[in-house]
Amino acid sequence: MALAPEQTDDIDFALAAYRQDGSWRLAELAVTSCASVETLAQGLRRLPGDAGALAMVSIDEDFFVMVRVSGAVTRVLLSDVSAAIEWELARSAVEFLGLLPEDDEEEEPAGDLDLVGDLGMPAIDMGVLLDDAELYPDEMLSEIADRLGFGPEFDAVVGLRSS
């Protein structure tokens, strides 16, 4: 599966984060790796990491997808399940999770809210963050990065200013 050309233009950013020797590292992911959860997972498996690697992808200032791989295990969090109606990557996440989106789907997260619980952001905090309708996906991902310990680096790479 490949992204439609018009959807590649709508990727705000695609980053991988991983811990190596106790320090966080960030790497930009190729647009081609954002075609599906499977292609993201393949790209992440190539990275070193003490606790696997984490993809953070923001699409069209509308939603985000996080994919975490550790060995053969792939875990997914989609910020808005209704995005699966329009976006290939979101559809891939929904299919990976075994869900069937409907046209009248509400804007709710889907997947593993505890995706980064062991790294510093438990499911309850992730749920509260995802419920904040005032935040854009990049702001949510910035908050997650901050909680995990690489907020300033994340903000610098994606062009956000720290407040």
N, C-alpha and C. Protein backbone atom coordinates (compact mmCIF):
# COMPACT_ATOMS: atom_id res chain seq x y z
N MET A 1 0.84 -1.17 0.00
CA MET A 1 0.00 0.00 0.00
C MET A 1 0.89 1.23 0.00
N ALA A 2 0.54 2.19 -0.82
CA ALA A 2 1.27 3.45 -0.88
C ALA A 2 0.31 4.59 -0.60
N LEU A 3 0.86 5.66 -0.07
CA LEU A 3 0.04 6.84 0.16
C LEU A 3 -0.30 7.50 -1.16
N ALA A 4 -1.50 8.00 -1.27
CA ALA A 4 -1.88 8.78 -2.44
C ALA A 4 -1.03 10.05 -2.43
N PRO A 5 -0.63 10.54 -3.60
CA PRO A 5 0.24 11.72 -3.64
C PRO A 5 -0.31 12.90 -2.85
N GLU A 6 -1.61 13.12 -2.90
CA GLU A 6 -2.17 14.25 -2.15
C GLU A 6 -2.07 14.04 -0.65
N GLN A 7 -2.00 12.79 -0.20
CA GLN A 7 -1.89 12.55 1.24
C GLN A 7 -0.45 12.68 1.73
N THR A 8 0.53 12.49 0.88
CA THR A 8 1.92 12.68 1.31
C THR A 8 2.18 14.15 1.62
N ASP A 9 1.52 15.05 0.92
CA ASP A 9 1.68 16.48 1.17
C ASP A 9 1.06 16.89 2.50
N ASP A 10 0.16 16.08 3.02
CA ASP A 10 -0.55 16.42 4.24
C ASP A 10 0.10 15.89 5.51
N ILE A 11 1.26 15.25 5.37
CA ILE A 11 1.99 14.79 6.55
C ILE A 11 2.71 16.00 7.14
N ASP A 12 2.31 16.37 8.35
CA ASP A 12 2.95 17.51 9.01
C ASP A 12 4.39 17.15 9.37
N PHE A 13 4.56 15.98 9.97
CA PHE A 13 5.89 15.45 10.28
C PHE A 13 5.75 13.98 10.64
N ALA A 14 6.86 13.28 10.51
CA ALA A 14 6.94 11.86 10.88
C ALA A 14 8.31 11.66 11.52
N LEU A 15 8.29 11.39 12.82
CA LEU A 15 9.53 11.23 13.57
C LEU A 15 9.58 9.89 14.26
N ALA A 16 10.78 9.40 14.44
CA ALA A 16 11.02 8.22 15.27
C ALA A 16 11.80 8.69 16.49
N ALA A 17 11.43 8.14 17.64
CA ALA A 17 12.14 8.42 18.88
C ALA A 17 12.55 7.09 19.49
N TYR A 18 13.78 7.04 19.98
CA TYR A 18 14.26 5.82 20.62
C TYR A 18 15.35 6.18 21.62
N ARG A 19 15.48 5.33 22.64
CA ARG A 19 16.51 5.53 23.65
C ARG A 19 17.70 4.64 23.33
N GLN A 20 18.86 5.26 23.32
CA GLN A 20 20.08 4.51 23.08
C GLN A 20 21.10 4.96 24.11
N ASP A 21 21.63 4.02 24.85
CA ASP A 21 22.60 4.31 25.91
C ASP A 21 22.06 5.34 26.89
N GLY A 22 20.76 5.25 27.20
CA GLY A 22 20.15 6.12 28.20
C GLY A 22 19.73 7.49 27.71
N SER A 23 19.96 7.81 26.44
CA SER A 23 19.57 9.12 25.91
C SER A 23 18.58 8.96 24.76
N TRP A 24 17.66 9.91 24.67
CA TRP A 24 16.70 9.91 23.58
C TRP A 24 17.37 10.38 22.29
N ARG A 25 16.99 9.76 21.21
CA ARG A 25 17.44 10.15 19.87
C ARG A 25 16.19 10.32 19.01
N LEU A 26 16.23 11.28 18.11
CA LEU A 26 15.13 11.51 17.18
C LEU A 26 15.65 11.37 15.75
N ALA A 27 14.81 10.81 14.90
CA ALA A 27 15.15 10.68 13.49
C ALA A 27 13.89 10.94 12.67
N GLU A 28 14.05 11.67 11.58
CA GLU A 28 12.92 11.89 10.69
C GLU A 28 12.65 10.60 9.93
N LEU A 29 11.38 10.29 9.73
CA LEU A 29 10.98 9.11 8.96
C LEU A 29 10.63 9.54 7.54
N ALA A 30 10.98 8.72 6.60
CA ALA A 30 10.64 8.99 5.20
C ALA A 30 9.13 8.94 5.02
N VAL A 31 8.61 9.78 4.16
CA VAL A 31 7.18 9.81 3.87
C VAL A 31 6.69 8.43 3.43
N THR A 32 7.53 7.72 2.69
CA THR A 32 7.13 6.39 2.20
C THR A 32 6.89 5.40 3.34
N SER A 33 7.50 5.63 4.49
CA SER A 33 7.28 4.73 5.62
C SER A 33 5.93 4.98 6.29
N CYS A 34 5.25 6.05 5.91
CA CYS A 34 3.97 6.42 6.53
C CYS A 34 2.77 5.85 5.79
N ALA A 35 2.98 4.92 4.89
CA ALA A 35 1.88 4.36 4.12
C ALA A 35 0.95 3.51 4.97
N SER A 36 1.50 2.86 6.00
CA SER A 36 0.68 1.98 6.84
C SER A 36 1.38 1.73 8.16
N VAL A 37 0.65 1.13 9.07
CA VAL A 37 1.24 0.73 10.35
C VAL A 37 2.39 -0.24 10.09
N GLU A 38 2.20 -1.14 9.14
CA GLU A 38 3.22 -2.15 8.84
C GLU A 38 4.51 -1.50 8.33
N THR A 39 4.40 -0.51 7.43
CA THR A 39 5.61 0.12 6.91
C THR A 39 6.30 0.96 7.99
N LEU A 40 5.51 1.58 8.87
CA LEU A 40 6.10 2.30 10.00
C LEU A 40 6.85 1.32 10.90
N ALA A 41 6.22 0.20 11.21
CA ALA A 41 6.85 -0.80 12.09
C ALA A 41 8.14 -1.33 11.48
N GLN A 42 8.13 -1.56 10.18
CA GLN A 42 9.35 -2.04 9.51
C GLN A 42 10.48 -1.03 9.66
N GLY A 43 10.17 0.23 9.45
CA GLY A 43 11.18 1.28 9.59
C GLY A 43 11.69 1.40 11.01
N LEU A 44 10.80 1.26 11.98
CA LEU A 44 11.20 1.36 13.39
C LEU A 44 12.09 0.20 13.81
N ARG A 45 11.85 -0.97 13.26
CA ARG A 45 12.64 -2.14 13.63
C ARG A 45 14.10 -2.01 13.20
N ARG A 46 14.39 -1.13 12.29
CA ARG A 46 15.76 -0.91 11.83
C ARG A 46 16.55 -0.03 12.80
N LEU A 47 15.86 0.61 13.73
CA LEU A 47 16.51 1.52 14.66
C LEU A 47 16.93 0.78 15.93
N PRO A 48 18.04 1.19 16.52
CA PRO A 48 18.39 0.62 17.81
C PRO A 48 17.47 1.21 18.87
N GLY A 49 17.44 0.63 20.00
CA GLY A 49 16.63 1.22 21.06
C GLY A 49 16.55 0.30 22.26
N ASP A 50 16.77 0.89 23.44
CA ASP A 50 16.72 0.11 24.67
C ASP A 50 15.32 -0.41 24.96
N ALA A 51 14.29 0.33 24.54
CA ALA A 51 12.89 -0.07 24.78
C ALA A 51 12.11 -0.06 23.48
N GLY A 52 12.76 -0.40 22.38
CA GLY A 52 12.11 -0.36 21.08
C GLY A 52 12.17 1.06 20.52
N ALA A 53 11.32 1.32 19.56
CA ALA A 53 11.29 2.64 18.93
C ALA A 53 9.84 3.09 18.77
N LEU A 54 9.65 4.38 18.71
CA LEU A 54 8.33 4.99 18.68
C LEU A 54 8.22 5.93 17.49
N ALA A 55 7.20 5.73 16.66
CA ALA A 55 6.90 6.66 15.57
C ALA A 55 5.83 7.63 16.03
N MET A 56 6.00 8.89 15.66
CA MET A 56 5.03 9.94 15.97
C MET A 56 4.76 10.66 14.65
N VAL A 57 3.54 10.47 14.12
CA VAL A 57 3.19 11.02 12.82
C VAL A 57 1.96 11.91 12.97
N SER A 58 2.08 13.15 12.53
CA SER A 58 0.98 14.10 12.54
C SER A 58 0.52 14.33 11.11
N ILE A 59 -0.80 14.26 10.91
CA ILE A 59 -1.38 14.38 9.57
C ILE A 59 -2.34 15.57 9.51
N ASP A 60 -2.07 16.48 8.58
CA ASP A 60 -2.97 17.56 8.21
C ASP A 60 -3.51 18.37 9.40
N GLU A 61 -2.71 18.51 10.43
CA GLU A 61 -3.14 19.21 11.65
C GLU A 61 -4.49 18.68 12.15
N ASP A 62 -4.77 17.40 11.85
CA ASP A 62 -6.07 16.81 12.14
C ASP A 62 -6.00 15.67 13.16
N PHE A 63 -5.00 14.81 13.03
CA PHE A 63 -4.88 13.66 13.92
C PHE A 63 -3.43 13.18 13.93
N PHE A 64 -3.14 12.27 14.86
CA PHE A 64 -1.81 11.66 14.87
C PHE A 64 -1.92 10.16 15.06
N VAL A 65 -0.86 9.49 14.64
CA VAL A 65 -0.70 8.06 14.84
C VAL A 65 0.63 7.85 15.54
N MET A 66 0.60 7.02 16.57
CA MET A 66 1.84 6.60 17.21
C MET A 66 1.94 5.09 17.07
N VAL A 67 3.12 4.63 16.69
CA VAL A 67 3.38 3.20 16.56
C VAL A 67 4.64 2.92 17.37
N ARG A 68 4.57 1.90 18.21
CA ARG A 68 5.73 1.51 19.00
C ARG A 68 6.06 0.06 18.72
N VAL A 69 7.31 -0.21 18.42
CA VAL A 69 7.75 -1.58 18.23
C VAL A 69 8.81 -1.92 19.27
N SER A 70 8.72 -3.12 19.73
CA SER A 70 9.73 -3.66 20.64
C SER A 70 9.82 -5.14 20.29
N GLY A 71 10.89 -5.51 19.62
CA GLY A 71 11.01 -6.88 19.13
C GLY A 71 9.92 -7.13 18.09
N ALA A 72 9.20 -8.22 18.26
CA ALA A 72 8.14 -8.57 17.32
C ALA A 72 6.80 -7.91 17.65
N VAL A 73 6.74 -7.20 18.77
CA VAL A 73 5.48 -6.60 19.23
C VAL A 73 5.31 -5.20 18.65
N THR A 74 4.14 -4.97 18.04
CA THR A 74 3.78 -3.65 17.51
C THR A 74 2.54 -3.17 18.24
N ARG A 75 2.59 -1.94 18.75
CA ARG A 75 1.46 -1.34 19.45
C ARG A 75 1.12 -0.02 18.76
N VAL A 76 -0.17 0.32 18.75
CA VAL A 76 -0.64 1.47 17.97
C VAL A 76 -1.60 2.33 18.79
N LEU A 77 -1.52 3.65 18.58
CA LEU A 77 -2.47 4.60 19.13
C LEU A 77 -2.84 5.58 18.02
N LEU A 78 -4.12 5.71 17.76
CA LEU A 78 -4.67 6.65 16.78
C LEU A 78 -5.47 7.68 17.55
N SER A 79 -5.17 8.95 17.35
CA SER A 79 -5.82 10.00 18.15
C SER A 79 -7.29 10.21 17.79
N ASP A 80 -7.68 9.86 16.56
CA ASP A 80 -9.05 10.10 16.11
C ASP A 80 -9.47 9.00 15.14
N VAL A 81 -10.29 8.09 15.61
CA VAL A 81 -10.71 6.95 14.79
C VAL A 81 -11.51 7.39 13.56
N SER A 82 -12.17 8.54 13.63
CA SER A 82 -12.96 8.99 12.48
C SER A 82 -12.06 9.36 11.29
N ALA A 83 -10.77 9.58 11.53
CA ALA A 83 -9.84 9.89 10.44
C ALA A 83 -9.69 8.72 9.47
N ALA A 84 -10.05 7.52 9.89
CA ALA A 84 -9.93 6.33 9.04
C ALA A 84 -10.84 6.39 7.82
N ILE A 85 -11.85 7.21 7.88
CA ILE A 85 -12.77 7.34 6.76
C ILE A 85 -12.08 8.02 5.58
N GLU A 86 -11.14 8.92 5.87
CA GLU A 86 -10.54 9.76 4.84
C GLU A 86 -9.05 9.49 4.59
N TRP A 87 -8.34 8.94 5.57
CA TRP A 87 -6.89 8.86 5.50
C TRP A 87 -6.39 7.42 5.53
N GLU A 88 -5.47 7.10 4.61
CA GLU A 88 -4.93 5.74 4.49
C GLU A 88 -4.22 5.27 5.76
N LEU A 89 -3.37 6.11 6.33
CA LEU A 89 -2.62 5.70 7.52
C LEU A 89 -3.57 5.43 8.68
N ALA A 90 -4.57 6.27 8.86
CA ALA A 90 -5.55 6.04 9.93
C ALA A 90 -6.34 4.77 9.67
N ARG A 91 -6.69 4.52 8.42
CA ARG A 91 -7.41 3.29 8.06
C ARG A 91 -6.55 2.07 8.38
N SER A 92 -5.27 2.16 8.09
CA SER A 92 -4.34 1.08 8.40
C SER A 92 -4.28 0.82 9.90
N ALA A 93 -4.28 1.89 10.69
CA ALA A 93 -4.25 1.75 12.15
C ALA A 93 -5.52 1.07 12.65
N VAL A 94 -6.65 1.49 12.12
CA VAL A 94 -7.94 0.90 12.51
C VAL A 94 -7.98 -0.59 12.14
N GLU A 95 -7.51 -0.90 10.94
CA GLU A 95 -7.48 -2.31 10.52
C GLU A 95 -6.53 -3.11 11.39
N PHE A 96 -5.36 -2.55 11.72
CA PHE A 96 -4.41 -3.22 12.60
C PHE A 96 -5.04 -3.53 13.95
N LEU A 97 -5.85 -2.59 14.43
CA LEU A 97 -6.51 -2.74 15.73
C LEU A 97 -7.75 -3.63 15.67
N GLY A 98 -8.15 -4.01 14.45
CA GLY A 98 -9.32 -4.88 14.30
C GLY A 98 -10.63 -4.16 14.46
N LEU A 99 -10.65 -2.87 14.19
CA LEU A 99 -11.88 -2.07 14.31
C LEU A 99 -12.47 -1.82 12.93
N LEU A 100 -13.76 -1.53 12.91
CA LEU A 100 -14.43 -1.18 11.66
C LEU A 100 -15.01 0.22 11.80
N PRO A 101 -14.39 1.22 11.18
CA PRO A 101 -14.91 2.59 11.30
C PRO A 101 -16.22 2.75 10.53
N GLU A 102 -17.07 3.60 11.06
CA GLU A 102 -18.34 3.90 10.41
C GLU A 102 -18.34 5.37 10.02
N ASP A 103 -19.16 5.71 9.03
CA ASP A 103 -19.22 7.10 8.56
C ASP A 103 -19.60 8.09 9.65
N ASP A 104 -20.36 7.63 10.63
CA ASP A 104 -20.80 8.53 11.69
C ASP A 104 -19.93 8.41 12.94
N GLU A 105 -18.73 7.86 12.78
CA GLU A 105 -17.81 7.67 13.91
C GLU A 105 -17.49 9.01 14.56
N GLU A 106 -17.46 9.02 15.87
CA GLU A 106 -17.10 10.23 16.60
C GLU A 106 -15.59 10.36 16.70
N GLU A 107 -15.14 11.55 17.01
CA GLU A 107 -13.71 11.80 17.15
C GLU A 107 -13.24 11.26 18.49
N GLU A 108 -12.84 10.01 18.49
CA GLU A 108 -12.35 9.35 19.70
C GLU A 108 -11.05 8.64 19.38
N PRO A 109 -10.18 8.50 20.38
CA PRO A 109 -8.96 7.74 20.15
C PRO A 109 -9.24 6.25 20.04
N ALA A 110 -8.31 5.54 19.45
CA ALA A 110 -8.41 4.09 19.35
C ALA A 110 -7.02 3.51 19.55
N GLY A 111 -6.97 2.38 20.19
CA GLY A 111 -5.69 1.70 20.36
C GLY A 111 -5.23 1.69 21.79
N ASP A 112 -3.93 1.66 21.96
CA ASP A 112 -3.28 1.44 23.24
C ASP A 112 -2.96 2.76 23.94
N LEU A 113 -3.85 3.18 24.84
CA LEU A 113 -3.61 4.42 25.59
C LEU A 113 -2.39 4.31 26.49
N ASP A 114 -1.98 3.09 26.82
CA ASP A 114 -0.80 2.88 27.67
C ASP A 114 0.46 2.62 26.85
N LEU A 115 0.44 3.06 25.60
CA LEU A 115 1.53 2.84 24.66
C LEU A 115 2.89 3.25 25.23
N VAL A 116 2.93 4.35 25.96
CA VAL A 116 4.18 4.84 26.53
C VAL A 116 4.10 4.94 28.06
N GLY A 117 3.23 4.14 28.64
CA GLY A 117 3.08 4.16 30.09
C GLY A 117 4.36 3.84 30.83
N ASP A 118 5.11 2.89 30.33
CA ASP A 118 6.37 2.51 30.98
C ASP A 118 7.47 3.54 30.77
N LEU A 119 7.25 4.48 29.88
CA LEU A 119 8.25 5.51 29.60
C LEU A 119 7.95 6.83 30.30
N GLY A 120 6.79 6.92 30.96
CA GLY A 120 6.51 8.12 31.73
C GLY A 120 5.16 8.77 31.52
N MET A 121 4.32 8.21 30.65
CA MET A 121 2.99 8.79 30.46
C MET A 121 1.95 7.68 30.52
N PRO A 122 1.35 7.50 31.70
CA PRO A 122 0.36 6.42 31.86
C PRO A 122 -0.93 6.67 31.07
N ALA A 123 -1.68 5.61 30.88
CA ALA A 123 -2.91 5.64 30.07
C ALA A 123 -3.88 6.73 30.53
N ILE A 124 -4.04 6.92 31.81
CA ILE A 124 -5.00 7.91 32.32
C ILE A 124 -4.61 9.31 31.84
N ASP A 125 -3.32 9.62 31.88
CA ASP A 125 -2.84 10.94 31.43
C ASP A 125 -2.98 11.07 29.92
N MET A 126 -2.73 9.99 29.19
CA MET A 126 -2.89 10.01 27.73
C MET A 126 -4.35 10.27 27.38
N GLY A 127 -5.27 9.62 28.09
CA GLY A 127 -6.69 9.83 27.85
C GLY A 127 -7.11 11.26 28.08
N VAL A 128 -6.61 11.87 29.15
CA VAL A 128 -6.93 13.27 29.45
C VAL A 128 -6.40 14.17 28.33
N LEU A 129 -5.18 13.92 27.90
CA LEU A 129 -4.59 14.72 26.82
C LEU A 129 -5.41 14.60 25.54
N LEU A 130 -5.79 13.39 25.18
CA LEU A 130 -6.55 13.18 23.94
C LEU A 130 -7.96 13.76 24.00
N ASP A 131 -8.47 13.98 25.20
CA ASP A 131 -9.79 14.58 25.36
C ASP A 131 -9.77 16.11 25.22
N ASP A 132 -8.59 16.70 25.17
CA ASP A 132 -8.47 18.15 25.08
C ASP A 132 -8.68 18.60 23.63
N ALA A 133 -9.90 19.00 23.31
CA ALA A 133 -10.26 19.38 21.94
C ALA A 133 -9.60 20.67 21.48
N GLU A 134 -8.98 21.42 22.40
CA GLU A 134 -8.34 22.68 22.05
C GLU A 134 -6.94 22.48 21.46
N LEU A 135 -6.36 21.29 21.64
CA LEU A 135 -4.99 21.06 21.19
C LEU A 135 -4.94 20.45 19.79
N TYR A 136 -3.97 20.90 19.01
CA TYR A 136 -3.69 20.30 17.71
C TYR A 136 -2.82 19.07 17.92
N PRO A 137 -2.75 18.17 16.93
CA PRO A 137 -1.95 16.96 17.07
C PRO A 137 -0.48 17.24 17.41
N ASP A 138 0.12 18.25 16.78
CA ASP A 138 1.52 18.54 17.08
C ASP A 138 1.70 18.97 18.53
N GLU A 139 0.72 19.68 19.07
CA GLU A 139 0.79 20.10 20.47
C GLU A 139 0.63 18.91 21.41
N MET A 140 -0.25 17.99 21.05
CA MET A 140 -0.40 16.77 21.85
C MET A 140 0.89 15.95 21.84
N LEU A 141 1.46 15.78 20.65
CA LEU A 141 2.69 15.00 20.55
C LEU A 141 3.84 15.70 21.26
N SER A 142 3.85 17.03 21.25
CA SER A 142 4.86 17.78 21.99
C SER A 142 4.72 17.51 23.50
N GLU A 143 3.50 17.49 23.98
CA GLU A 143 3.25 17.20 25.40
C GLU A 143 3.71 15.78 25.75
N ILE A 144 3.43 14.84 24.87
CA ILE A 144 3.87 13.46 25.09
C ILE A 144 5.39 13.41 25.11
N ALA A 145 6.03 14.05 24.14
CA ALA A 145 7.50 14.07 24.09
C ALA A 145 8.07 14.69 25.36
N ASP A 146 7.44 15.75 25.83
CA ASP A 146 7.90 16.41 27.05
C ASP A 146 7.81 15.45 28.24
N ARG A 147 6.69 14.76 28.35
CA ARG A 147 6.51 13.81 29.46
C ARG A 147 7.51 12.66 29.40
N LEU A 148 7.93 12.29 28.17
CA LEU A 148 8.87 11.18 28.03
C LEU A 148 10.32 11.62 28.19
N GLY A 149 10.55 12.94 28.13
CA GLY A 149 11.89 13.43 28.39
C GLY A 149 12.65 13.96 27.18
N PHE A 150 11.96 14.15 26.05
CA PHE A 150 12.65 14.72 24.89
C PHE A 150 11.84 15.85 24.26
N GLY A 151 11.11 16.57 25.07
CA GLY A 151 10.27 17.67 24.60
C GLY A 151 11.02 18.75 23.84
N PRO A 152 12.09 19.33 24.41
CA PRO A 152 12.79 20.40 23.69
C PRO A 152 13.35 19.94 22.34
N GLU A 153 13.89 18.74 22.29
CA GLU A 153 14.42 18.20 21.03
C GLU A 153 13.30 18.03 20.01
N PHE A 154 12.17 17.49 20.46
CA PHE A 154 11.01 17.29 19.60
C PHE A 154 10.55 18.63 19.04
N ASP A 155 10.36 19.60 19.92
CA ASP A 155 9.89 20.93 19.50
C ASP A 155 10.83 21.57 18.49
N ALA A 156 12.14 21.39 18.69
CA ALA A 156 13.11 21.96 17.77
C ALA A 156 13.00 21.31 16.39
N VAL A 157 12.82 20.00 16.36
CA VAL A 157 12.75 19.30 15.07
C VAL A 157 11.48 19.65 14.31
N VAL A 158 10.33 19.75 15.01
CA VAL A 158 9.08 20.01 14.31
C VAL A 158 8.76 21.51 14.20
N GLY A 159 9.59 22.35 14.80
CA GLY A 159 9.41 23.79 14.64
C GLY A 159 8.44 24.42 15.62
N LEU A 160 8.23 23.79 16.76
CA LEU A 160 7.38 24.39 17.80
C LEU A 160 8.25 25.17 18.75
N ARG A 161 7.66 26.19 19.32
CA ARG A 161 8.38 26.96 20.34
C ARG A 161 7.89 26.51 21.70
N SER A 162 8.80 26.35 22.62
CA SER A 162 8.43 26.00 23.99
C SER A 162 7.80 27.21 24.66
N SER A 163 6.77 26.96 25.48
CA SER A 163 6.14 28.09 26.16
C SER A 163 6.64 28.22 27.56
